[in-house]
Amino acid sequence: MDATIKDFEAAIAELEIIVRKLEDGDLALEKSLELYERGVQLSRFCHARLEDAERRIEILNERGELKPAPASLGLAGDDDR
């Protein structure tokens, strides 16, 4: 794991900043490449964390310790549409 990445939320926040900078297009080629490389690192980190979370949920579901909410159970505020 990249020690410079604190956690999932920090990685997402940094990735959003990088995307905005790259979309602006005002950077030199070398700086753009550096940011792109960092973005790939962050993206891989986030993807790995999401896969870990998915595996944990699957294990909990298999053990019967966690059940999905029934489809009939809506989110709060859905009736206000």
N, C-alpha and C. Protein backbone atom coordinates (compact mmCIF):
# COMPACT_ATOMS: atom_id res chain seq x y z
N MET A 1 0.84 -1.19 0.00
CA MET A 1 0.00 0.00 0.00
C MET A 1 0.88 1.25 0.00
N ASP A 2 0.46 2.25 -0.73
CA ASP A 2 1.18 3.52 -0.80
C ASP A 2 1.01 4.27 0.52
N ALA A 3 2.11 4.49 1.22
CA ALA A 3 2.05 5.13 2.53
C ALA A 3 1.62 6.59 2.45
N THR A 4 1.66 7.18 1.25
CA THR A 4 1.25 8.58 1.13
C THR A 4 -0.26 8.72 1.03
N ILE A 5 -0.98 7.60 0.88
CA ILE A 5 -2.43 7.65 0.80
C ILE A 5 -2.99 7.31 2.17
N LYS A 6 -3.67 8.28 2.77
CA LYS A 6 -4.15 8.13 4.15
C LYS A 6 -5.29 7.13 4.25
N ASP A 7 -6.35 7.34 3.49
CA ASP A 7 -7.51 6.46 3.53
C ASP A 7 -8.35 6.65 2.27
N PHE A 8 -9.43 5.90 2.16
CA PHE A 8 -10.28 5.93 0.96
C PHE A 8 -10.80 7.34 0.70
N GLU A 9 -11.32 7.98 1.73
CA GLU A 9 -11.92 9.31 1.55
C GLU A 9 -10.88 10.34 1.10
N ALA A 10 -9.69 10.27 1.68
CA ALA A 10 -8.62 11.19 1.28
C ALA A 10 -8.19 10.92 -0.16
N ALA A 11 -8.16 9.65 -0.54
CA ALA A 11 -7.77 9.30 -1.90
C ALA A 11 -8.78 9.83 -2.90
N ILE A 12 -10.07 9.69 -2.60
CA ILE A 12 -11.11 10.21 -3.49
C ILE A 12 -11.00 11.72 -3.62
N ALA A 13 -10.80 12.41 -2.50
CA ALA A 13 -10.69 13.86 -2.52
C ALA A 13 -9.51 14.31 -3.37
N GLU A 14 -8.36 13.65 -3.20
CA GLU A 14 -7.18 14.01 -4.00
C GLU A 14 -7.41 13.69 -5.48
N LEU A 15 -8.05 12.59 -5.74
CA LEU A 15 -8.34 12.21 -7.13
C LEU A 15 -9.24 13.24 -7.80
N GLU A 16 -10.23 13.76 -7.08
CA GLU A 16 -11.10 14.79 -7.63
C GLU A 16 -10.33 16.05 -7.98
N ILE A 17 -9.38 16.42 -7.12
CA ILE A 17 -8.55 17.61 -7.38
C ILE A 17 -7.70 17.39 -8.63
N ILE A 18 -7.12 16.20 -8.75
CA ILE A 18 -6.29 15.89 -9.91
C ILE A 18 -7.12 15.95 -11.19
N VAL A 19 -8.30 15.39 -11.16
CA VAL A 19 -9.16 15.40 -12.35
C VAL A 19 -9.47 16.84 -12.77
N ARG A 20 -9.81 17.69 -11.79
CA ARG A 20 -10.10 19.10 -12.12
C ARG A 20 -8.89 19.77 -12.76
N LYS A 21 -7.69 19.54 -12.19
CA LYS A 21 -6.48 20.16 -12.74
C LYS A 21 -6.21 19.69 -14.16
N LEU A 22 -6.38 18.39 -14.38
CA LEU A 22 -6.14 17.85 -15.72
C LEU A 22 -7.18 18.35 -16.71
N GLU A 23 -8.41 18.48 -16.28
CA GLU A 23 -9.47 18.99 -17.16
C GLU A 23 -9.24 20.44 -17.54
N ASP A 24 -8.64 21.22 -16.64
CA ASP A 24 -8.35 22.62 -16.96
C ASP A 24 -7.38 22.73 -18.12
N GLY A 25 -6.44 21.80 -18.20
CA GLY A 25 -5.52 21.76 -19.33
C GLY A 25 -4.45 22.83 -19.34
N ASP A 26 -4.23 23.51 -18.23
CA ASP A 26 -3.25 24.60 -18.19
C ASP A 26 -1.89 24.15 -17.68
N LEU A 27 -1.62 22.85 -17.67
CA LEU A 27 -0.39 22.33 -17.10
C LEU A 27 0.60 21.94 -18.20
N ALA A 28 1.87 21.99 -17.84
CA ALA A 28 2.91 21.50 -18.74
C ALA A 28 2.75 19.99 -18.87
N LEU A 29 3.26 19.44 -19.95
CA LEU A 29 3.12 18.01 -20.22
C LEU A 29 3.68 17.17 -19.08
N GLU A 30 4.86 17.50 -18.60
CA GLU A 30 5.48 16.70 -17.53
C GLU A 30 4.63 16.72 -16.26
N LYS A 31 4.09 17.89 -15.90
CA LYS A 31 3.24 17.99 -14.71
C LYS A 31 1.95 17.19 -14.93
N SER A 32 1.39 17.25 -16.12
CA SER A 32 0.19 16.48 -16.43
C SER A 32 0.45 14.99 -16.27
N LEU A 33 1.61 14.54 -16.76
CA LEU A 33 1.96 13.13 -16.63
C LEU A 33 2.14 12.72 -15.17
N GLU A 34 2.76 13.59 -14.36
CA GLU A 34 2.91 13.31 -12.93
C GLU A 34 1.55 13.17 -12.26
N LEU A 35 0.66 14.11 -12.56
CA LEU A 35 -0.67 14.05 -11.97
C LEU A 35 -1.44 12.82 -12.43
N TYR A 36 -1.30 12.49 -13.70
CA TYR A 36 -1.98 11.30 -14.24
C TYR A 36 -1.48 10.04 -13.51
N GLU A 37 -0.16 9.96 -13.33
CA GLU A 37 0.42 8.80 -12.64
C GLU A 37 -0.11 8.71 -11.20
N ARG A 38 -0.15 9.85 -10.52
CA ARG A 38 -0.68 9.86 -9.16
C ARG A 38 -2.16 9.46 -9.16
N GLY A 39 -2.90 9.93 -10.14
CA GLY A 39 -4.30 9.57 -10.26
C GLY A 39 -4.50 8.07 -10.43
N VAL A 40 -3.63 7.44 -11.21
CA VAL A 40 -3.71 5.99 -11.40
C VAL A 40 -3.44 5.28 -10.07
N GLN A 41 -2.45 5.75 -9.32
CA GLN A 41 -2.16 5.16 -8.00
C GLN A 41 -3.38 5.27 -7.08
N LEU A 42 -3.97 6.45 -7.05
CA LEU A 42 -5.14 6.68 -6.19
C LEU A 42 -6.32 5.82 -6.63
N SER A 43 -6.52 5.73 -7.93
CA SER A 43 -7.61 4.93 -8.46
C SER A 43 -7.44 3.46 -8.09
N ARG A 44 -6.24 2.95 -8.22
CA ARG A 44 -5.96 1.55 -7.86
C ARG A 44 -6.19 1.32 -6.37
N PHE A 45 -5.74 2.27 -5.55
CA PHE A 45 -5.95 2.18 -4.10
C PHE A 45 -7.43 2.10 -3.79
N CYS A 46 -8.22 3.00 -4.38
CA CYS A 46 -9.66 3.04 -4.12
C CYS A 46 -10.33 1.75 -4.60
N HIS A 47 -9.93 1.29 -5.76
CA HIS A 47 -10.51 0.06 -6.30
C HIS A 47 -10.23 -1.12 -5.37
N ALA A 48 -9.01 -1.20 -4.87
CA ALA A 48 -8.64 -2.29 -3.95
C ALA A 48 -9.45 -2.20 -2.65
N ARG A 49 -9.64 -0.98 -2.12
CA ARG A 49 -10.42 -0.83 -0.88
C ARG A 49 -11.87 -1.24 -1.12
N LEU A 50 -12.43 -0.88 -2.28
CA LEU A 50 -13.80 -1.26 -2.59
C LEU A 50 -13.94 -2.77 -2.74
N GLU A 51 -12.96 -3.40 -3.38
CA GLU A 51 -13.00 -4.86 -3.50
C GLU A 51 -12.92 -5.53 -2.13
N ASP A 52 -12.07 -5.00 -1.24
CA ASP A 52 -11.97 -5.53 0.13
C ASP A 52 -13.31 -5.42 0.85
N ALA A 53 -13.95 -4.27 0.72
CA ALA A 53 -15.24 -4.06 1.38
C ALA A 53 -16.28 -5.02 0.82
N GLU A 54 -16.27 -5.21 -0.50
CA GLU A 54 -17.22 -6.13 -1.11
C GLU A 54 -17.02 -7.55 -0.61
N ARG A 55 -15.76 -7.98 -0.50
CA ARG A 55 -15.47 -9.33 0.02
C ARG A 55 -15.96 -9.47 1.46
N ARG A 56 -15.73 -8.44 2.28
CA ARG A 56 -16.18 -8.50 3.67
C ARG A 56 -17.70 -8.62 3.75
N ILE A 57 -18.40 -7.89 2.91
CA ILE A 57 -19.87 -7.95 2.90
C ILE A 57 -20.33 -9.34 2.45
N GLU A 58 -19.68 -9.90 1.44
CA GLU A 58 -20.05 -11.23 0.97
C GLU A 58 -19.84 -12.27 2.07
N ILE A 59 -18.73 -12.16 2.79
CA ILE A 59 -18.46 -13.10 3.89
C ILE A 59 -19.53 -12.97 4.97
N LEU A 60 -19.88 -11.74 5.32
CA LEU A 60 -20.91 -11.53 6.34
C LEU A 60 -22.24 -12.07 5.88
N ASN A 61 -22.57 -11.87 4.61
CA ASN A 61 -23.83 -12.40 4.08
C ASN A 61 -23.85 -13.92 4.13
N GLU A 62 -22.73 -14.55 3.78
CA GLU A 62 -22.65 -16.01 3.81
C GLU A 62 -22.82 -16.55 5.22
N ARG A 63 -22.34 -15.83 6.20
CA ARG A 63 -22.46 -16.26 7.59
C ARG A 63 -23.84 -15.95 8.17
N GLY A 64 -24.62 -15.23 7.42
CA GLY A 64 -25.95 -14.88 7.90
C GLY A 64 -25.95 -13.77 8.94
N GLU A 65 -24.84 -13.07 9.06
CA GLU A 65 -24.74 -12.01 10.05
C GLU A 65 -25.24 -10.67 9.52
N LEU A 66 -25.41 -10.59 8.23
CA LEU A 66 -25.85 -9.34 7.63
C LEU A 66 -26.85 -9.67 6.54
N LYS A 67 -27.99 -9.05 6.59
CA LYS A 67 -29.03 -9.29 5.60
C LYS A 67 -29.34 -7.97 4.90
N PRO A 68 -29.55 -8.00 3.58
CA PRO A 68 -29.92 -6.76 2.88
C PRO A 68 -31.30 -6.30 3.32
N ALA A 69 -31.51 -5.00 3.27
CA ALA A 69 -32.81 -4.44 3.62
C ALA A 69 -33.83 -4.89 2.59
N PRO A 70 -35.05 -5.15 3.01
CA PRO A 70 -36.09 -5.54 2.04
C PRO A 70 -36.32 -4.42 1.03
N ALA A 71 -36.66 -4.79 -0.20
CA ALA A 71 -36.87 -3.81 -1.27
C ALA A 71 -38.02 -2.87 -0.93
N SER A 72 -38.95 -3.35 -0.13
CA SER A 72 -40.10 -2.52 0.22
C SER A 72 -39.74 -1.41 1.20
N LEU A 73 -38.56 -1.51 1.78
CA LEU A 73 -38.12 -0.51 2.75
C LEU A 73 -37.44 0.62 1.99
N GLY A 74 -38.13 1.75 1.82
CA GLY A 74 -37.57 2.87 1.07
C GLY A 74 -36.67 3.73 1.93
N LEU A 75 -35.94 4.61 1.27
CA LEU A 75 -35.10 5.56 1.98
C LEU A 75 -35.95 6.68 2.55
N ALA A 76 -35.51 7.24 3.64
CA ALA A 76 -36.23 8.36 4.25
C ALA A 76 -36.30 9.50 3.25
N GLY A 77 -37.47 10.07 3.10
CA GLY A 77 -37.65 11.21 2.20
C GLY A 77 -38.11 10.83 0.82
N ASP A 78 -38.19 9.54 0.51
CA ASP A 78 -38.61 9.12 -0.82
C ASP A 78 -40.07 9.50 -1.09
N ASP A 79 -40.89 9.59 -0.05
CA ASP A 79 -42.30 9.89 -0.22
C ASP A 79 -42.56 11.36 -0.51
N ASP A 80 -41.50 12.18 -0.39
CA ASP A 80 -41.66 13.63 -0.56
C ASP A 80 -41.57 14.06 -2.01
N ARG A 81 -41.46 13.14 -2.95
CA ARG A 81 -41.30 13.51 -4.36
C ARG A 81 -42.55 14.09 -4.93
